[in-house]
């Protein structure tokens, strides 16, 4: 099920999948070939949208994860020995995500 949000309005779409993969490049090619639709990162399809090869059917909507606007997970092996550069990256990324959410 895909969840979308626009202002205070939410919609849920059930999209039956005939093919499943976590490979973004494969999904993009399948969509280009007309096999179906997919949720893809904008950066991966910007040129296709600009050229008209692909269209955004719900361009005014944002993907939603439950009651939240979006979700990000950071996976690392252990908190006990977290390298400083990893901690700095997580803090920077968190700040960027939170500030972006307050600007929209």
N, C-alpha and C. Protein backbone atom coordinates (compact mmCIF):
# COMPACT_ATOMS: atom_id res chain seq x y z
N UNK A 1 0.84 -1.17 0.00
CA UNK A 1 0.00 0.00 0.00
C UNK A 1 0.89 1.24 0.00
N UNK A 2 0.56 2.19 -0.85
CA UNK A 2 1.28 3.45 -0.92
C UNK A 2 0.42 4.52 -0.26
N UNK A 3 1.04 5.34 0.57
CA UNK A 3 0.35 6.42 1.26
C UNK A 3 0.86 7.75 0.73
N UNK A 4 -0.08 8.65 0.41
CA UNK A 4 0.29 9.97 -0.10
C UNK A 4 -0.39 11.04 0.73
N UNK A 5 0.26 12.21 0.81
CA UNK A 5 -0.26 13.32 1.60
C UNK A 5 -0.16 14.61 0.78
N UNK A 6 -1.21 15.42 0.89
CA UNK A 6 -1.21 16.76 0.32
C UNK A 6 -1.95 17.64 1.31
N UNK A 7 -1.25 18.61 1.89
CA UNK A 7 -1.81 19.44 2.95
C UNK A 7 -2.34 18.52 4.06
N UNK A 8 -3.62 18.57 4.35
CA UNK A 8 -4.20 17.73 5.40
C UNK A 8 -4.91 16.49 4.84
N UNK A 9 -4.83 16.30 3.55
CA UNK A 9 -5.52 15.19 2.89
C UNK A 9 -4.56 14.01 2.70
N UNK A 10 -5.05 12.81 2.96
CA UNK A 10 -4.28 11.58 2.77
C UNK A 10 -5.03 10.64 1.85
N UNK A 11 -4.28 9.92 1.02
CA UNK A 11 -4.88 8.86 0.22
C UNK A 11 -4.01 7.61 0.33
N UNK A 12 -4.66 6.47 0.24
CA UNK A 12 -3.98 5.18 0.23
C UNK A 12 -4.25 4.50 -1.10
N UNK A 13 -3.20 4.03 -1.74
CA UNK A 13 -3.35 3.31 -3.00
C UNK A 13 -2.80 1.90 -2.85
N UNK A 14 -3.58 0.94 -3.25
CA UNK A 14 -3.10 -0.44 -3.28
C UNK A 14 -2.69 -0.72 -4.71
N UNK A 15 -1.42 -1.03 -4.89
CA UNK A 15 -0.87 -1.26 -6.23
C UNK A 15 -0.37 -2.70 -6.28
N UNK A 16 -1.08 -3.57 -7.00
CA UNK A 16 -0.62 -4.97 -7.07
C UNK A 16 0.70 -5.04 -7.84
N UNK A 17 1.64 -5.79 -7.30
CA UNK A 17 2.97 -5.90 -7.91
C UNK A 17 3.14 -7.25 -8.60
N UNK A 18 3.52 -7.20 -9.86
CA UNK A 18 3.85 -8.42 -10.59
C UNK A 18 5.35 -8.70 -10.52
N UNK A 19 6.12 -7.61 -10.33
CA UNK A 19 7.57 -7.73 -10.21
C UNK A 19 7.99 -6.94 -8.97
N UNK A 20 8.87 -7.52 -8.17
CA UNK A 20 9.39 -6.83 -6.99
C UNK A 20 10.91 -6.84 -7.04
N UNK A 21 11.50 -5.68 -6.80
CA UNK A 21 12.95 -5.58 -6.70
C UNK A 21 13.29 -4.32 -5.91
N UNK A 22 14.42 -4.34 -5.25
CA UNK A 22 14.88 -3.15 -4.54
C UNK A 22 15.93 -2.41 -5.36
N UNK A 23 16.17 -2.83 -6.59
CA UNK A 23 17.16 -2.22 -7.45
C UNK A 23 16.53 -1.04 -8.19
N UNK A 24 16.94 0.17 -7.83
CA UNK A 24 16.36 1.38 -8.42
C UNK A 24 16.57 1.43 -9.93
N UNK A 25 17.74 1.04 -10.40
CA UNK A 25 18.00 1.07 -11.85
C UNK A 25 17.09 0.11 -12.60
N UNK A 26 16.87 -1.07 -12.04
CA UNK A 26 15.98 -2.04 -12.67
C UNK A 26 14.54 -1.52 -12.68
N UNK A 27 14.10 -0.93 -11.56
CA UNK A 27 12.75 -0.37 -11.51
C UNK A 27 12.57 0.74 -12.53
N UNK A 28 13.56 1.62 -12.62
CA UNK A 28 13.48 2.72 -13.59
C UNK A 28 13.36 2.17 -15.01
N UNK A 29 14.14 1.15 -15.34
CA UNK A 29 14.07 0.58 -16.69
C UNK A 29 12.73 -0.09 -16.94
N UNK A 30 12.20 -0.79 -15.95
CA UNK A 30 10.88 -1.42 -16.10
C UNK A 30 9.80 -0.37 -16.35
N UNK A 31 9.87 0.74 -15.61
CA UNK A 31 8.90 1.82 -15.81
C UNK A 31 9.08 2.43 -17.19
N UNK A 32 10.32 2.67 -17.61
CA UNK A 32 10.59 3.20 -18.96
C UNK A 32 10.03 2.28 -20.04
N UNK A 33 10.11 0.97 -19.79
CA UNK A 33 9.63 -0.01 -20.77
C UNK A 33 8.12 -0.18 -20.74
N UNK A 34 7.45 0.53 -19.84
CA UNK A 34 6.00 0.49 -19.79
C UNK A 34 5.42 -0.71 -19.04
N UNK A 35 6.22 -1.36 -18.21
CA UNK A 35 5.76 -2.53 -17.47
C UNK A 35 4.77 -2.14 -16.39
N UNK A 36 4.95 -0.96 -15.79
CA UNK A 36 4.05 -0.53 -14.73
C UNK A 36 4.52 0.77 -14.11
N UNK A 37 4.03 1.02 -12.89
CA UNK A 37 4.42 2.24 -12.19
C UNK A 37 5.26 1.86 -10.97
N UNK A 38 5.98 2.85 -10.45
CA UNK A 38 6.83 2.60 -9.29
C UNK A 38 7.05 3.89 -8.53
N UNK A 39 7.40 3.76 -7.27
CA UNK A 39 7.88 4.89 -6.48
C UNK A 39 9.39 4.95 -6.67
N UNK A 40 9.85 6.01 -7.28
CA UNK A 40 11.28 6.17 -7.55
C UNK A 40 11.76 7.52 -7.05
N UNK A 41 13.03 7.62 -6.63
CA UNK A 41 13.55 8.92 -6.23
C UNK A 41 13.54 9.89 -7.41
N UNK A 42 13.19 11.13 -7.14
CA UNK A 42 13.11 12.13 -8.21
C UNK A 42 14.41 12.26 -8.98
N UNK A 43 15.55 12.22 -8.26
CA UNK A 43 16.84 12.38 -8.93
C UNK A 43 17.08 11.29 -9.97
N UNK A 44 16.46 10.13 -9.80
CA UNK A 44 16.71 9.03 -10.74
C UNK A 44 15.86 9.12 -12.00
N UNK A 45 14.81 9.95 -11.97
CA UNK A 45 13.92 10.06 -13.14
C UNK A 45 13.74 11.49 -13.64
N UNK A 46 14.50 12.44 -13.08
CA UNK A 46 14.37 13.85 -13.50
C UNK A 46 14.47 14.03 -15.01
N UNK A 47 15.50 13.44 -15.59
CA UNK A 47 15.70 13.59 -17.04
C UNK A 47 14.57 12.95 -17.84
N UNK A 48 14.07 11.81 -17.37
CA UNK A 48 12.97 11.14 -18.05
C UNK A 48 11.70 11.98 -17.99
N UNK A 49 11.47 12.65 -16.87
CA UNK A 49 10.29 13.50 -16.73
C UNK A 49 10.44 14.74 -17.60
N UNK A 50 11.62 15.37 -17.58
CA UNK A 50 11.86 16.56 -18.41
C UNK A 50 11.69 16.26 -19.90
N UNK A 51 12.13 15.07 -20.32
CA UNK A 51 12.05 14.71 -21.74
C UNK A 51 10.67 14.21 -22.14
N UNK A 52 9.81 13.91 -21.16
CA UNK A 52 8.48 13.42 -21.47
C UNK A 52 8.38 11.91 -21.57
N UNK A 53 9.51 11.19 -21.35
CA UNK A 53 9.46 9.72 -21.39
C UNK A 53 8.63 9.17 -20.24
N UNK A 54 8.65 9.88 -19.10
CA UNK A 54 7.87 9.47 -17.94
C UNK A 54 7.04 10.64 -17.44
N UNK A 55 5.93 10.33 -16.77
CA UNK A 55 5.08 11.37 -16.17
C UNK A 55 4.89 11.03 -14.70
N UNK A 56 4.59 12.07 -13.90
CA UNK A 56 4.29 11.88 -12.49
C UNK A 56 2.77 11.97 -12.32
N UNK A 57 2.09 10.85 -12.14
CA UNK A 57 0.63 10.90 -12.03
C UNK A 57 0.13 11.61 -10.77
N UNK A 58 0.91 11.63 -9.71
CA UNK A 58 0.51 12.29 -8.46
C UNK A 58 1.53 13.37 -8.09
N UNK A 59 1.84 14.25 -9.04
CA UNK A 59 2.91 15.22 -8.83
C UNK A 59 2.64 16.21 -7.70
N UNK A 60 1.39 16.46 -7.37
CA UNK A 60 1.09 17.38 -6.28
C UNK A 60 1.09 16.74 -4.91
N UNK A 61 1.37 15.46 -4.84
CA UNK A 61 1.32 14.70 -3.59
C UNK A 61 2.72 14.30 -3.15
N UNK A 62 2.89 14.11 -1.84
CA UNK A 62 4.15 13.62 -1.28
C UNK A 62 3.92 12.23 -0.72
N UNK A 63 4.91 11.39 -0.89
CA UNK A 63 4.82 10.05 -0.32
C UNK A 63 4.84 10.18 1.20
N UNK A 64 4.08 9.36 1.86
CA UNK A 64 3.97 9.43 3.31
C UNK A 64 4.23 8.05 3.90
N UNK A 65 4.78 8.05 5.10
CA UNK A 65 5.01 6.79 5.80
C UNK A 65 4.17 6.86 7.07
N UNK A 66 2.99 6.28 7.02
CA UNK A 66 2.10 6.32 8.18
C UNK A 66 1.70 7.74 8.52
N UNK A 67 1.77 8.08 9.79
CA UNK A 67 1.38 9.41 10.24
C UNK A 67 2.50 10.42 10.06
N UNK A 68 3.68 9.96 9.65
CA UNK A 68 4.82 10.84 9.49
C UNK A 68 4.96 11.26 8.04
N UNK A 69 5.65 12.38 7.83
CA UNK A 69 5.92 12.85 6.48
C UNK A 69 6.83 11.88 5.72
N UNK A 70 7.90 11.45 6.38
CA UNK A 70 8.84 10.54 5.76
C UNK A 70 9.61 9.82 6.85
N UNK A 71 10.43 8.87 6.44
CA UNK A 71 11.22 8.12 7.41
C UNK A 71 12.60 7.85 6.84
N UNK A 72 13.59 7.87 7.70
CA UNK A 72 14.96 7.55 7.32
C UNK A 72 15.54 6.67 8.42
N UNK A 73 16.21 5.62 8.01
CA UNK A 73 16.88 4.74 8.96
C UNK A 73 18.36 4.76 8.67
N UNK A 74 19.16 4.78 9.72
CA UNK A 74 20.60 4.70 9.60
C UNK A 74 21.02 3.41 10.30
N UNK A 75 21.70 2.55 9.57
CA UNK A 75 22.14 1.27 10.13
C UNK A 75 23.65 1.29 10.30
N UNK A 76 24.09 0.89 11.48
CA UNK A 76 25.52 0.80 11.76
C UNK A 76 25.71 -0.33 12.77
N UNK A 77 26.92 -0.91 12.84
CA UNK A 77 27.12 -2.13 13.60
C UNK A 77 26.93 -2.02 15.12
N UNK A 78 27.40 -0.96 15.76
CA UNK A 78 27.35 -0.91 17.21
C UNK A 78 27.44 0.52 17.71
N UNK A 79 26.65 0.84 18.73
CA UNK A 79 26.74 2.17 19.33
C UNK A 79 27.97 2.30 20.21
N UNK A 80 28.43 1.20 20.75
CA UNK A 80 29.54 1.24 21.70
C UNK A 80 30.81 1.82 21.05
N UNK A 81 31.03 1.55 19.80
CA UNK A 81 32.25 2.00 19.12
C UNK A 81 31.91 2.79 17.86
N UNK A 82 30.97 3.68 17.97
CA UNK A 82 30.55 4.49 16.82
C UNK A 82 31.64 5.51 16.50
N UNK A 83 32.23 5.45 15.31
CA UNK A 83 33.27 6.42 14.96
C UNK A 83 32.71 7.85 14.98
N UNK A 84 33.55 8.79 15.34
CA UNK A 84 33.14 10.19 15.43
C UNK A 84 32.59 10.69 14.10
N UNK A 85 33.24 10.31 12.98
CA UNK A 85 32.76 10.79 11.68
C UNK A 85 31.36 10.24 11.38
N UNK A 86 31.04 9.04 11.85
CA UNK A 86 29.70 8.49 11.67
C UNK A 86 28.70 9.27 12.50
N UNK A 87 29.03 9.55 13.75
CA UNK A 87 28.16 10.33 14.64
C UNK A 87 27.92 11.72 14.05
N UNK A 88 28.98 12.35 13.52
CA UNK A 88 28.87 13.69 12.92
C UNK A 88 27.96 13.64 11.70
N UNK A 89 28.11 12.60 10.87
CA UNK A 89 27.26 12.47 9.69
C UNK A 89 25.80 12.31 10.08
N UNK A 90 25.53 11.45 11.06
CA UNK A 90 24.15 11.23 11.52
C UNK A 90 23.56 12.53 12.04
N UNK A 91 24.32 13.26 12.85
CA UNK A 91 23.83 14.54 13.39
C UNK A 91 23.56 15.54 12.28
N UNK A 92 24.48 15.63 11.29
CA UNK A 92 24.31 16.54 10.17
C UNK A 92 23.07 16.17 9.35
N UNK A 93 22.94 14.88 9.04
CA UNK A 93 21.81 14.41 8.22
C UNK A 93 20.49 14.66 8.94
N UNK A 94 20.46 14.37 10.23
CA UNK A 94 19.25 14.59 11.04
C UNK A 94 18.85 16.07 11.02
N UNK A 95 19.84 16.94 11.17
CA UNK A 95 19.57 18.39 11.14
C UNK A 95 19.01 18.81 9.78
N UNK A 96 19.59 18.28 8.70
CA UNK A 96 19.12 18.61 7.36
C UNK A 96 17.69 18.14 7.12
N UNK A 97 17.39 16.93 7.54
CA UNK A 97 16.04 16.38 7.37
C UNK A 97 15.04 17.17 8.17
N UNK A 98 15.36 17.48 9.42
CA UNK A 98 14.44 18.22 10.27
C UNK A 98 14.22 19.63 9.77
N UNK A 99 15.26 20.30 9.27
CA UNK A 99 15.10 21.67 8.78
C UNK A 99 14.32 21.68 7.47
N UNK A 100 14.50 20.65 6.63
CA UNK A 100 13.75 20.56 5.38
C UNK A 100 12.25 20.40 5.65
N UNK A 101 11.92 19.58 6.65
CA UNK A 101 10.53 19.36 7.01
C UNK A 101 9.84 20.61 7.52
N UNK A 102 10.57 21.49 8.18
CA UNK A 102 9.97 22.70 8.70
C UNK A 102 9.81 23.78 7.64
N UNK A 103 10.49 23.61 6.49
CA UNK A 103 10.40 24.58 5.39
C UNK A 103 9.28 24.29 4.42
N UNK A 104 8.72 23.08 4.48
CA UNK A 104 7.72 22.71 3.48
C UNK A 104 6.32 23.04 3.92
